[in-house]
PDB file of all heavy atoms in Angstrom:
ATOM      1  N   ARG A   1      21.774 -25.300  -2.841  1.00  0.00           N
ATOM      2  CA  ARG A   1      20.867 -25.327  -3.985  1.00  0.00           C
ATOM      3  C   ARG A   1      19.506 -24.776  -3.612  1.00  0.00           C
ATOM      4  O   ARG A   1      19.235 -24.448  -2.453  1.00  0.00           O
ATOM      5  CB  ARG A   1      20.728 -26.752  -4.528  1.00  0.00           C
ATOM      6  CG  ARG A   1      20.095 -27.730  -3.547  1.00  0.00           C
ATOM      7  CD  ARG A   1      19.801 -29.052  -4.223  1.00  0.00           C
ATOM      8  NE  ARG A   1      18.880 -28.879  -5.341  1.00  0.00           N
ATOM      9  CZ  ARG A   1      18.529 -29.858  -6.171  1.00  0.00           C
ATOM     10  NH1 ARG A   1      19.045 -31.065  -6.022  1.00  0.00           N
ATOM     11  NH2 ARG A   1      17.669 -29.637  -7.150  1.00  0.00           N
ATOM     12  N   ALA A   2      18.627 -24.652  -4.618  1.00  0.00           N
ATOM     13  CA  ALA A   2      17.252 -24.218  -4.402  1.00  0.00           C
ATOM     14  C   ALA A   2      16.323 -25.261  -4.985  1.00  0.00           C
ATOM     15  O   ALA A   2      16.704 -26.046  -5.852  1.00  0.00           O
ATOM     16  CB  ALA A   2      17.011 -22.868  -5.084  1.00  0.00           C
ATOM     17  N   SER A   3      15.093 -25.266  -4.504  1.00  0.00           N
ATOM     18  CA  SER A   3      14.087 -26.152  -5.071  1.00  0.00           C
ATOM     19  C   SER A   3      13.813 -25.751  -6.513  1.00  0.00           C
ATOM     20  O   SER A   3      13.721 -24.564  -6.838  1.00  0.00           O
ATOM     21  CB  SER A   3      12.799 -26.051  -4.248  1.00  0.00           C
ATOM     22  OG  SER A   3      11.714 -26.645  -4.936  1.00  0.00           O
ATOM     23  N   GLU A   4      13.690 -26.743  -7.399  1.00  0.00           N
ATOM     24  CA  GLU A   4      13.361 -26.472  -8.798  1.00  0.00           C
ATOM     25  C   GLU A   4      12.135 -27.269  -9.230  1.00  0.00           C
ATOM     26  O   GLU A   4      12.024 -27.711 -10.375  1.00  0.00           O
ATOM     27  CB  GLU A   4      14.560 -26.785  -9.706  1.00  0.00           C
ATOM     28  CG  GLU A   4      15.730 -25.833  -9.497  1.00  0.00           C
ATOM     29  CD  GLU A   4      16.926 -26.134 -10.380  1.00  0.00           C
ATOM     30  OE1 GLU A   4      16.729 -26.691 -11.482  1.00  0.00           O
ATOM     31  OE2 GLU A   4      18.051 -25.814  -9.971  1.00  0.00           O
ATOM     32  N   GLY A   5      11.225 -27.455  -8.276  1.00  0.00           N
ATOM     33  CA  GLY A   5       9.979 -28.157  -8.589  1.00  0.00           C
ATOM     34  C   GLY A   5       8.883 -27.681  -7.665  1.00  0.00           C
ATOM     35  O   GLY A   5       9.141 -27.026  -6.656  1.00  0.00           O
ATOM     36  N   LYS A   6       7.652 -27.997  -8.015  1.00  0.00           N
ATOM     37  CA  LYS A   6       6.537 -27.586  -7.170  1.00  0.00           C
ATOM     38  C   LYS A   6       5.661 -28.780  -6.841  1.00  0.00           C
ATOM     39  O   LYS A   6       5.746 -29.838  -7.476  1.00  0.00           O
ATOM     40  CB  LYS A   6       5.723 -26.489  -7.844  1.00  0.00           C
ATOM     41  CG  LYS A   6       5.204 -26.818  -9.233  1.00  0.00           C
ATOM     42  CD  LYS A   6       4.560 -25.581  -9.859  1.00  0.00           C
ATOM     43  CE  LYS A   6       4.195 -25.826 -11.313  1.00  0.00           C
ATOM     44  NZ  LYS A   6       3.629 -24.624 -11.947  1.00  0.00           N
ATOM     45  N   THR A   7       4.816 -28.590  -5.835  1.00  0.00           N
ATOM     46  CA  THR A   7       3.883 -29.621  -5.386  1.00  0.00           C
ATOM     47  C   THR A   7       2.473 -29.137  -5.655  1.00  0.00           C
ATOM     48  O   THR A   7       2.108 -28.017  -5.290  1.00  0.00           O
ATOM     49  CB  THR A   7       4.072 -29.903  -3.887  1.00  0.00           C
ATOM     50  OG1 THR A   7       5.420 -30.324  -3.654  1.00  0.00           O
ATOM     51  CG2 THR A   7       3.114 -30.978  -3.416  1.00  0.00           C
ATOM     52  N   VAL A   8       1.671 -29.989  -6.318  1.00  0.00           N
ATOM     53  CA  VAL A   8       0.309 -29.615  -6.665  1.00  0.00           C
ATOM     54  C   VAL A   8      -0.626 -30.774  -6.331  1.00  0.00           C
ATOM     55  O   VAL A   8      -0.183 -31.882  -6.021  1.00  0.00           O
ATOM     56  CB  VAL A   8       0.188 -29.277  -8.175  1.00  0.00           C
ATOM     57  CG1 VAL A   8       1.096 -28.118  -8.537  1.00  0.00           C
ATOM     58  CG2 VAL A   8       0.503 -30.497  -9.046  1.00  0.00           C
ATOM     59  N   GLU A   9      -1.907 -30.502  -6.399  1.00  0.00           N
ATOM     60  CA  GLU A   9      -2.896 -31.572  -6.314  1.00  0.00           C
ATOM     61  C   GLU A   9      -3.580 -31.692  -7.664  1.00  0.00           C
ATOM     62  O   GLU A   9      -4.070 -30.704  -8.226  1.00  0.00           O
ATOM     63  CB  GLU A   9      -3.946 -31.286  -5.240  1.00  0.00           C
ATOM     64  CG  GLU A   9      -4.984 -32.402  -5.127  1.00  0.00           C
ATOM     65  CD  GLU A   9      -6.027 -32.151  -4.058  1.00  0.00           C
ATOM     66  OE1 GLU A   9      -5.729 -32.409  -2.878  1.00  0.00           O
ATOM     67  OE2 GLU A   9      -7.139 -31.693  -4.411  1.00  0.00           O
ATOM     68  N   VAL A  10      -3.592 -32.896  -8.217  1.00  0.00           N
ATOM     69  CA  VAL A  10      -4.286 -33.154  -9.477  1.00  0.00           C
ATOM     70  C   VAL A  10      -5.578 -33.902  -9.171  1.00  0.00           C
ATOM     71  O   VAL A  10      -5.685 -34.581  -8.144  1.00  0.00           O
ATOM     72  CB  VAL A  10      -3.401 -33.975 -10.441  1.00  0.00           C
ATOM     73  CG1 VAL A  10      -2.137 -33.210 -10.791  1.00  0.00           C
ATOM     74  CG2 VAL A  10      -3.040 -35.331  -9.837  1.00  0.00           C
ATOM     75  N   PRO A  11      -6.579 -33.786 -10.029  1.00  0.00           N
ATOM     76  CA  PRO A  11      -7.836 -34.509  -9.784  1.00  0.00           C
ATOM     77  C   PRO A  11      -7.607 -36.016  -9.785  1.00  0.00           C
ATOM     78  O   PRO A  11      -6.794 -36.538 -10.561  1.00  0.00           O
ATOM     79  CB  PRO A  11      -8.725 -34.086 -10.963  1.00  0.00           C
ATOM     80  CG  PRO A  11      -8.130 -32.826 -11.477  1.00  0.00           C
ATOM     81  CD  PRO A  11      -6.655 -32.923 -11.222  1.00  0.00           C
ATOM     82  N   TYR A  12      -8.331 -36.718  -8.923  1.00  0.00           N
ATOM     83  CA  TYR A  12      -8.296 -38.170  -8.935  1.00  0.00           C
ATOM     84  C   TYR A  12      -8.965 -38.655 -10.219  1.00  0.00           C
ATOM     85  O   TYR A  12     -10.056 -38.206 -10.581  1.00  0.00           O
ATOM     86  CB  TYR A  12      -9.023 -38.724  -7.712  1.00  0.00           C
ATOM     87  CG  TYR A  12      -9.217 -40.224  -7.771  1.00  0.00           C
ATOM     88  CD1 TYR A  12      -8.141 -41.081  -7.543  1.00  0.00           C
ATOM     89  CD2 TYR A  12     -10.454 -40.769  -8.088  1.00  0.00           C
ATOM     90  CE1 TYR A  12      -8.314 -42.468  -7.609  1.00  0.00           C
ATOM     91  CE2 TYR A  12     -10.631 -42.147  -8.155  1.00  0.00           C
ATOM     92  CZ  TYR A  12      -9.553 -42.979  -7.916  1.00  0.00           C
ATOM     93  OH  TYR A  12      -9.720 -44.338  -8.004  1.00  0.00           O
ATOM     94  N   ARG A  13      -8.306 -39.594 -10.933  1.00  0.00           N
ATOM     95  CA  ARG A  13      -8.766 -39.949 -12.275  1.00  0.00           C
ATOM     96  C   ARG A  13      -9.047 -41.437 -12.456  1.00  0.00           C
ATOM     97  O   ARG A  13      -9.306 -41.892 -13.570  1.00  0.00           O
ATOM     98  CB  ARG A  13      -7.719 -39.497 -13.299  1.00  0.00           C
ATOM     99  CG  ARG A  13      -7.461 -38.001 -13.234  1.00  0.00           C
ATOM    100  CD  ARG A  13      -6.181 -37.607 -13.936  1.00  0.00           C
ATOM    101  NE  ARG A  13      -6.283 -37.738 -15.379  1.00  0.00           N
ATOM    102  CZ  ARG A  13      -5.252 -37.563 -16.203  1.00  0.00           C
ATOM    103  NH1 ARG A  13      -4.060 -37.267 -15.711  1.00  0.00           N
ATOM    104  NH2 ARG A  13      -5.419 -37.710 -17.498  1.00  0.00           N
ATOM    105  N   GLY A  14      -9.027 -42.224 -11.386  1.00  0.00           N
ATOM    106  CA  GLY A  14      -9.345 -43.633 -11.507  1.00  0.00           C
ATOM    107  C   GLY A  14      -8.260 -44.423 -12.219  1.00  0.00           C
ATOM    108  O   GLY A  14      -7.093 -44.022 -12.237  1.00  0.00           O
ATOM    109  N   PRO A  15      -8.600 -45.547 -12.835  1.00  0.00           N
ATOM    110  CA  PRO A  15      -7.595 -46.366 -13.516  1.00  0.00           C
ATOM    111  C   PRO A  15      -6.978 -45.630 -14.696  1.00  0.00           C
ATOM    112  O   PRO A  15      -7.635 -44.820 -15.362  1.00  0.00           O
ATOM    113  CB  PRO A  15      -8.395 -47.587 -13.992  1.00  0.00           C
ATOM    114  CG  PRO A  15      -9.628 -47.605 -13.152  1.00  0.00           C
ATOM    115  CD  PRO A  15      -9.935 -46.174 -12.842  1.00  0.00           C
ATOM    116  N   VAL A  16      -5.727 -45.929 -15.000  1.00  0.00           N
ATOM    117  CA  VAL A  16      -5.024 -45.275 -16.103  1.00  0.00           C
ATOM    118  C   VAL A  16      -5.524 -45.748 -17.460  1.00  0.00           C
ATOM    119  O   VAL A  16      -5.228 -45.137 -18.488  1.00  0.00           O
ATOM    120  CB  VAL A  16      -3.500 -45.514 -15.970  1.00  0.00           C
ATOM    121  CG1 VAL A  16      -3.127 -46.937 -16.385  1.00  0.00           C
ATOM    122  CG2 VAL A  16      -2.708 -44.494 -16.777  1.00  0.00           C
ATOM    123  N   GLU A  17      -6.315 -46.803 -17.473  1.00  0.00           N
ATOM    124  CA  GLU A  17      -6.836 -47.370 -18.719  1.00  0.00           C
ATOM    125  C   GLU A  17      -7.535 -46.313 -19.578  1.00  0.00           C
ATOM    126  O   GLU A  17      -7.311 -46.226 -20.788  1.00  0.00           O
ATOM    127  CB  GLU A  17      -7.815 -48.505 -18.396  1.00  0.00           C
ATOM    128  CG  GLU A  17      -8.403 -49.207 -19.596  1.00  0.00           C
ATOM    129  CD  GLU A  17      -7.434 -50.171 -20.261  1.00  0.00           C
ATOM    130  OE1 GLU A  17      -6.474 -50.596 -19.604  1.00  0.00           O
ATOM    131  OE2 GLU A  17      -7.644 -50.478 -21.450  1.00  0.00           O
ATOM    132  N   GLY A  18      -8.383 -45.487 -18.963  1.00  0.00           N
ATOM    133  CA  GLY A  18      -9.119 -44.482 -19.714  1.00  0.00           C
ATOM    134  C   GLY A  18      -8.209 -43.441 -20.332  1.00  0.00           C
ATOM    135  O   GLY A  18      -8.406 -43.003 -21.477  1.00  0.00           O
ATOM    136  N   THR A  19      -7.195 -43.014 -19.579  1.00  0.00           N
ATOM    137  CA  THR A  19      -6.250 -42.027 -20.097  1.00  0.00           C
ATOM    138  C   THR A  19      -5.439 -42.601 -21.246  1.00  0.00           C
ATOM    139  O   THR A  19      -5.176 -41.917 -22.246  1.00  0.00           O
ATOM    140  CB  THR A  19      -5.331 -41.541 -18.965  1.00  0.00           C
ATOM    141  OG1 THR A  19      -6.122 -40.858 -17.988  1.00  0.00           O
ATOM    142  CG2 THR A  19      -4.266 -40.583 -19.503  1.00  0.00           C
ATOM    143  N   MET A  20      -5.019 -43.858 -21.136  1.00  0.00           N
ATOM    144  CA  MET A  20      -4.276 -44.481 -22.231  1.00  0.00           C
ATOM    145  C   MET A  20      -5.125 -44.567 -23.492  1.00  0.00           C
ATOM    146  O   MET A  20      -4.627 -44.388 -24.613  1.00  0.00           O
ATOM    147  CB  MET A  20      -3.776 -45.858 -21.818  1.00  0.00           C
ATOM    148  CG  MET A  20      -2.611 -45.822 -20.846  1.00  0.00           C
ATOM    149  SD  MET A  20      -1.170 -44.939 -21.511  1.00  0.00           S
ATOM    150  CE  MET A  20      -0.735 -45.988 -22.908  1.00  0.00           C
ATOM    151  N   GLN A  21      -6.426 -44.814 -23.333  1.00  0.00           N
ATOM    152  CA  GLN A  21      -7.306 -44.854 -24.498  1.00  0.00           C
ATOM    153  C   GLN A  21      -7.371 -43.481 -25.162  1.00  0.00           C
ATOM    154  O   GLN A  21      -7.354 -43.372 -26.400  1.00  0.00           O
ATOM    155  CB  GLN A  21      -8.704 -45.319 -24.093  1.00  0.00           C
ATOM    156  CG  GLN A  21      -9.658 -45.477 -25.276  1.00  0.00           C
ATOM    157  CD  GLN A  21     -10.991 -46.081 -24.869  1.00  0.00           C
ATOM    158  OE1 GLN A  21     -11.114 -46.685 -23.814  1.00  0.00           O
ATOM    159  NE2 GLN A  21     -11.992 -45.912 -25.718  1.00  0.00           N
ATOM    160  N   GLU A  22      -7.425 -42.418 -24.353  1.00  0.00           N
ATOM    161  CA  GLU A  22      -7.434 -41.060 -24.902  1.00  0.00           C
ATOM    162  C   GLU A  22      -6.133 -40.747 -25.635  1.00  0.00           C
ATOM    163  O   GLU A  22      -6.142 -40.187 -26.736  1.00  0.00           O
ATOM    164  CB  GLU A  22      -7.636 -40.037 -23.780  1.00  0.00           C
ATOM    165  CG  GLU A  22      -9.039 -39.959 -23.230  1.00  0.00           C
ATOM    166  CD  GLU A  22      -9.172 -38.828 -22.228  1.00  0.00           C
ATOM    167  OE1 GLU A  22      -8.169 -38.106 -22.013  1.00  0.00           O
ATOM    168  OE2 GLU A  22     -10.265 -38.657 -21.672  1.00  0.00           O
ATOM    169  N   LEU A  23      -5.017 -41.087 -25.011  1.00  0.00           N
ATOM    170  CA  LEU A  23      -3.723 -40.779 -25.606  1.00  0.00           C
ATOM    171  C   LEU A  23      -3.519 -41.530 -26.921  1.00  0.00           C
ATOM    172  O   LEU A  23      -3.133 -40.943 -27.944  1.00  0.00           O
ATOM    173  CB  LEU A  23      -2.599 -41.128 -24.625  1.00  0.00           C
ATOM    174  CG  LEU A  23      -2.525 -40.290 -23.350  1.00  0.00           C
ATOM    175  CD1 LEU A  23      -1.551 -40.917 -22.353  1.00  0.00           C
ATOM    176  CD2 LEU A  23      -2.110 -38.858 -23.664  1.00  0.00           C
ATOM    177  N   MET A  24      -3.773 -42.819 -26.903  1.00  0.00           N
ATOM    178  CA  MET A  24      -3.573 -43.618 -28.104  1.00  0.00           C
ATOM    179  C   MET A  24      -4.609 -43.262 -29.171  1.00  0.00           C
ATOM    180  O   MET A  24      -4.300 -43.214 -30.374  1.00  0.00           O
ATOM    181  CB  MET A  24      -3.629 -45.105 -27.762  1.00  0.00           C
ATOM    182  CG  MET A  24      -2.534 -45.537 -26.793  1.00  0.00           C
ATOM    183  SD  MET A  24      -2.607 -47.270 -26.284  1.00  0.00           S
ATOM    184  CE  MET A  24      -1.845 -48.064 -27.701  1.00  0.00           C
ATOM    185  N   GLY A  25      -5.829 -42.957 -28.731  1.00  0.00           N
ATOM    186  CA  GLY A  25      -6.858 -42.549 -29.681  1.00  0.00           C
ATOM    187  C   GLY A  25      -6.538 -41.224 -30.346  1.00  0.00           C
ATOM    188  O   GLY A  25      -6.791 -41.039 -31.550  1.00  0.00           O
ATOM    189  N   GLY A  26      -5.976 -40.279 -29.583  1.00  0.00           N
ATOM    190  CA  GLY A  26      -5.585 -39.001 -30.154  1.00  0.00           C
ATOM    191  C   GLY A  26      -4.509 -39.154 -31.212  1.00  0.00           C
ATOM    192  O   GLY A  26      -4.549 -38.510 -32.268  1.00  0.00           O
ATOM    193  N   VAL A  27      -3.540 -40.015 -30.936  1.00  0.00           N
ATOM    194  CA  VAL A  27      -2.468 -40.257 -31.911  1.00  0.00           C
ATOM    195  C   VAL A  27      -3.037 -40.926 -33.159  1.00  0.00           C
ATOM    196  O   VAL A  27      -2.699 -40.562 -34.296  1.00  0.00           O
ATOM    197  CB  VAL A  27      -1.345 -41.111 -31.289  1.00  0.00           C
ATOM    198  CG1 VAL A  27      -0.316 -41.506 -32.349  1.00  0.00           C
ATOM    199  CG2 VAL A  27      -0.661 -40.340 -30.160  1.00  0.00           C
ATOM    200  N   ARG A  28      -3.911 -41.904 -32.975  1.00  0.00           N
ATOM    201  CA  ARG A  28      -4.530 -42.568 -34.126  1.00  0.00           C
ATOM    202  C   ARG A  28      -5.284 -41.562 -34.997  1.00  0.00           C
ATOM    203  O   ARG A  28      -5.198 -41.586 -36.229  1.00  0.00           O
ATOM    204  CB  ARG A  28      -5.487 -43.658 -33.658  1.00  0.00           C
ATOM    205  CG  ARG A  28      -4.830 -44.911 -33.115  1.00  0.00           C
ATOM    206  CD  ARG A  28      -5.849 -46.033 -32.942  1.00  0.00           C
ATOM    207  NE  ARG A  28      -5.221 -47.211 -32.370  1.00  0.00           N
ATOM    208  CZ  ARG A  28      -5.237 -47.527 -31.074  1.00  0.00           C
ATOM    209  NH1 ARG A  28      -5.857 -46.719 -30.219  1.00  0.00           N
ATOM    210  NH2 ARG A  28      -4.635 -48.607 -30.638  1.00  0.00           N
ATOM    211  N   SER A  29      -6.037 -40.689 -34.350  1.00  0.00           N
ATOM    212  CA  SER A  29      -6.800 -39.707 -35.102  1.00  0.00           C
ATOM    213  C   SER A  29      -5.883 -38.754 -35.863  1.00  0.00           C
ATOM    214  O   SER A  29      -6.128 -38.424 -37.027  1.00  0.00           O
ATOM    215  CB  SER A  29      -7.707 -38.920 -34.145  1.00  0.00           C
ATOM    216  OG  SER A  29      -8.597 -38.088 -34.861  1.00  0.00           O
ATOM    217  N   ALA A  30      -4.811 -38.306 -35.213  1.00  0.00           N
ATOM    218  CA  ALA A  30      -3.848 -37.433 -35.893  1.00  0.00           C
ATOM    219  C   ALA A  30      -3.277 -38.121 -37.128  1.00  0.00           C
ATOM    220  O   ALA A  30      -3.081 -37.490 -38.176  1.00  0.00           O
ATOM    221  CB  ALA A  30      -2.732 -37.050 -34.926  1.00  0.00           C
ATOM    222  N   MET A  31      -3.008 -39.410 -37.008  1.00  0.00           N
ATOM    223  CA  MET A  31      -2.445 -40.155 -38.136  1.00  0.00           C
ATOM    224  C   MET A  31      -3.411 -40.204 -39.312  1.00  0.00           C
ATOM    225  O   MET A  31      -3.008 -40.127 -40.475  1.00  0.00           O
ATOM    226  CB  MET A  31      -2.040 -41.554 -37.688  1.00  0.00           C
ATOM    227  CG  MET A  31      -0.848 -41.563 -36.733  1.00  0.00           C
ATOM    228  SD  MET A  31      -0.544 -43.170 -35.949  1.00  0.00           S
ATOM    229  CE  MET A  31      -0.083 -44.176 -37.358  1.00  0.00           C
ATOM    230  N   THR A  32      -4.719 -40.320 -39.025  1.00  0.00           N
ATOM    231  CA  THR A  32      -5.683 -40.345 -40.124  1.00  0.00           C
ATOM    232  C   THR A  32      -5.774 -38.979 -40.806  1.00  0.00           C
ATOM    233  O   THR A  32      -6.032 -38.907 -42.009  1.00  0.00           O
ATOM    234  CB  THR A  32      -7.076 -40.767 -39.639  1.00  0.00           C
ATOM    235  OG1 THR A  32      -7.586 -39.810 -38.704  1.00  0.00           O
ATOM    236  CG2 THR A  32      -7.030 -42.139 -38.969  1.00  0.00           C
ATOM    237  N   TYR A  33      -5.571 -37.896 -40.047  1.00  0.00           N
ATOM    238  CA  TYR A  33      -5.623 -36.560 -40.641  1.00  0.00           C
ATOM    239  C   TYR A  33      -4.480 -36.313 -41.622  1.00  0.00           C
ATOM    240  O   TYR A  33      -4.587 -35.480 -42.521  1.00  0.00           O
ATOM    241  CB  TYR A  33      -5.579 -35.489 -39.547  1.00  0.00           C
ATOM    242  CG  TYR A  33      -6.924 -35.112 -38.988  1.00  0.00           C
ATOM    243  CD1 TYR A  33      -7.290 -35.501 -37.704  1.00  0.00           C
ATOM    244  CD2 TYR A  33      -7.819 -34.351 -39.724  1.00  0.00           C
ATOM    245  CE1 TYR A  33      -8.526 -35.150 -37.176  1.00  0.00           C
ATOM    246  CE2 TYR A  33      -9.054 -33.987 -39.209  1.00  0.00           C
ATOM    247  CZ  TYR A  33      -9.402 -34.397 -37.935  1.00  0.00           C
ATOM    248  OH  TYR A  33     -10.627 -34.045 -37.427  1.00  0.00           O
ATOM    249  N   ILE A  34      -3.349 -37.008 -41.431  1.00  0.00           N
ATOM    250  CA  ILE A  34      -2.198 -36.763 -42.314  1.00  0.00           C
ATOM    251  C   ILE A  34      -1.873 -37.978 -43.195  1.00  0.00           C
ATOM    252  O   ILE A  34      -0.885 -37.964 -43.925  1.00  0.00           O
ATOM    253  CB  ILE A  34      -0.947 -36.360 -41.509  1.00  0.00           C
ATOM    254  CG1 ILE A  34      -0.526 -37.460 -40.529  1.00  0.00           C
ATOM    255  CG2 ILE A  34      -1.192 -35.043 -40.773  1.00  0.00           C
ATOM    256  CD1 ILE A  34       0.770 -37.165 -39.787  1.00  0.00           C
ATOM    257  N   GLY A  35      -2.693 -39.017 -43.119  1.00  0.00           N
ATOM    258  CA  GLY A  35      -2.519 -40.161 -43.994  1.00  0.00           C
ATOM    259  C   GLY A  35      -1.359 -41.062 -43.644  1.00  0.00           C
ATOM    260  O   GLY A  35      -0.779 -41.705 -44.525  1.00  0.00           O
ATOM    261  N   ALA A  36      -1.016 -41.144 -42.354  1.00  0.00           N
ATOM    262  CA  ALA A  36       0.073 -42.012 -41.911  1.00  0.00           C
ATOM    263  C   ALA A  36      -0.504 -43.341 -41.440  1.00  0.00           C
ATOM    264  O   ALA A  36      -1.237 -43.383 -40.453  1.00  0.00           O
ATOM    265  CB  ALA A  36       0.864 -41.346 -40.793  1.00  0.00           C
ATOM    266  N   VAL A  37      -0.196 -44.419 -42.146  1.00  0.00           N
ATOM    267  CA  VAL A  37      -0.705 -45.733 -41.771  1.00  0.00           C
ATOM    268  C   VAL A  37       0.050 -46.275 -40.562  1.00  0.00           C
ATOM    269  O   VAL A  37      -0.532 -46.900 -39.681  1.00  0.00           O
ATOM    270  CB  VAL A  37      -0.589 -46.715 -42.955  1.00  0.00           C
ATOM    271  CG1 VAL A  37      -1.084 -48.107 -42.555  1.00  0.00           C
ATOM    272  CG2 VAL A  37      -1.373 -46.194 -44.150  1.00  0.00           C
ATOM    273  N   ARG A  38       1.355 -46.046 -40.503  1.00  0.00           N
ATOM    274  CA  ARG A  38       2.204 -46.521 -39.401  1.00  0.00           C
ATOM    275  C   ARG A  38       2.811 -45.334 -38.684  1.00  0.00           C
ATOM    276  O   ARG A  38       3.102 -44.291 -39.298  1.00  0.00           O
ATOM    277  CB  ARG A  38       3.299 -47.448 -39.939  1.00  0.00           C
ATOM    278  CG  ARG A  38       2.765 -48.739 -40.538  1.00  0.00           C
ATOM    279  CD  ARG A  38       3.885 -49.639 -41.051  1.00  0.00           C
ATOM    280  NE  ARG A  38       4.597 -49.007 -42.166  1.00  0.00           N
ATOM    281  CZ  ARG A  38       4.200 -49.086 -43.427  1.00  0.00           C
ATOM    282  NH1 ARG A  38       3.096 -49.754 -43.740  1.00  0.00           N
ATOM    283  NH2 ARG A  38       4.892 -48.499 -44.376  1.00  0.00           N
ATOM    284  N   LEU A  39       3.063 -45.498 -37.383  1.00  0.00           N
ATOM    285  CA  LEU A  39       3.565 -44.394 -36.571  1.00  0.00           C
ATOM    286  C   LEU A  39       4.899 -43.877 -37.090  1.00  0.00           C
ATOM    287  O   LEU A  39       5.171 -42.683 -37.028  1.00  0.00           O
ATOM    288  CB  LEU A  39       3.691 -44.840 -35.104  1.00  0.00           C
ATOM    289  CG  LEU A  39       4.021 -43.752 -34.086  1.00  0.00           C
ATOM    290  CD1 LEU A  39       2.994 -42.626 -34.110  1.00  0.00           C
ATOM    291  CD2 LEU A  39       4.121 -44.348 -32.688  1.00  0.00           C
ATOM    292  N   LYS A  40       5.734 -44.757 -37.627  1.00  0.00           N
ATOM    293  CA  LYS A  40       7.041 -44.309 -38.102  1.00  0.00           C
ATOM    294  C   LYS A  40       6.930 -43.374 -39.305  1.00  0.00           C
ATOM    295  O   LYS A  40       7.888 -42.672 -39.632  1.00  0.00           O
ATOM    296  CB  LYS A  40       7.932 -45.495 -38.426  1.00  0.00           C
ATOM    297  CG  LYS A  40       7.615 -46.228 -39.711  1.00  0.00           C
ATOM    298  CD  LYS A  40       8.684 -47.269 -39.991  1.00  0.00           C
ATOM    299  CE  LYS A  40       8.520 -47.880 -41.374  1.00  0.00           C
ATOM    300  NZ  LYS A  40       9.608 -48.830 -41.671  1.00  0.00           N
ATOM    301  N   GLU A  41       5.749 -43.331 -39.971  1.00  0.00           N
ATOM    302  CA  GLU A  41       5.557 -42.436 -41.106  1.00  0.00           C
ATOM    303  C   GLU A  41       5.218 -41.014 -40.674  1.00  0.00           C
ATOM    304  O   GLU A  41       5.258 -40.094 -41.498  1.00  0.00           O
ATOM    305  CB  GLU A  41       4.425 -42.966 -41.989  1.00  0.00           C
ATOM    306  CG  GLU A  41       4.674 -44.334 -42.595  1.00  0.00           C
ATOM    307  CD  GLU A  41       3.417 -44.881 -43.272  1.00  0.00           C
ATOM    308  OE1 GLU A  41       2.427 -44.127 -43.387  1.00  0.00           O
ATOM    309  OE2 GLU A  41       3.423 -46.056 -43.655  1.00  0.00           O
TER     310      GLU A  41
END
């Protein structure tokens, strides 16, 4: 076989708490743009 992945260095980002806030906040904002009260909508 051959390798099918690569190795990189990503910036150190501290606790995952901040990233989760960004991810969940982005989804919430998208929902307000399309008028979806619940995620399943």
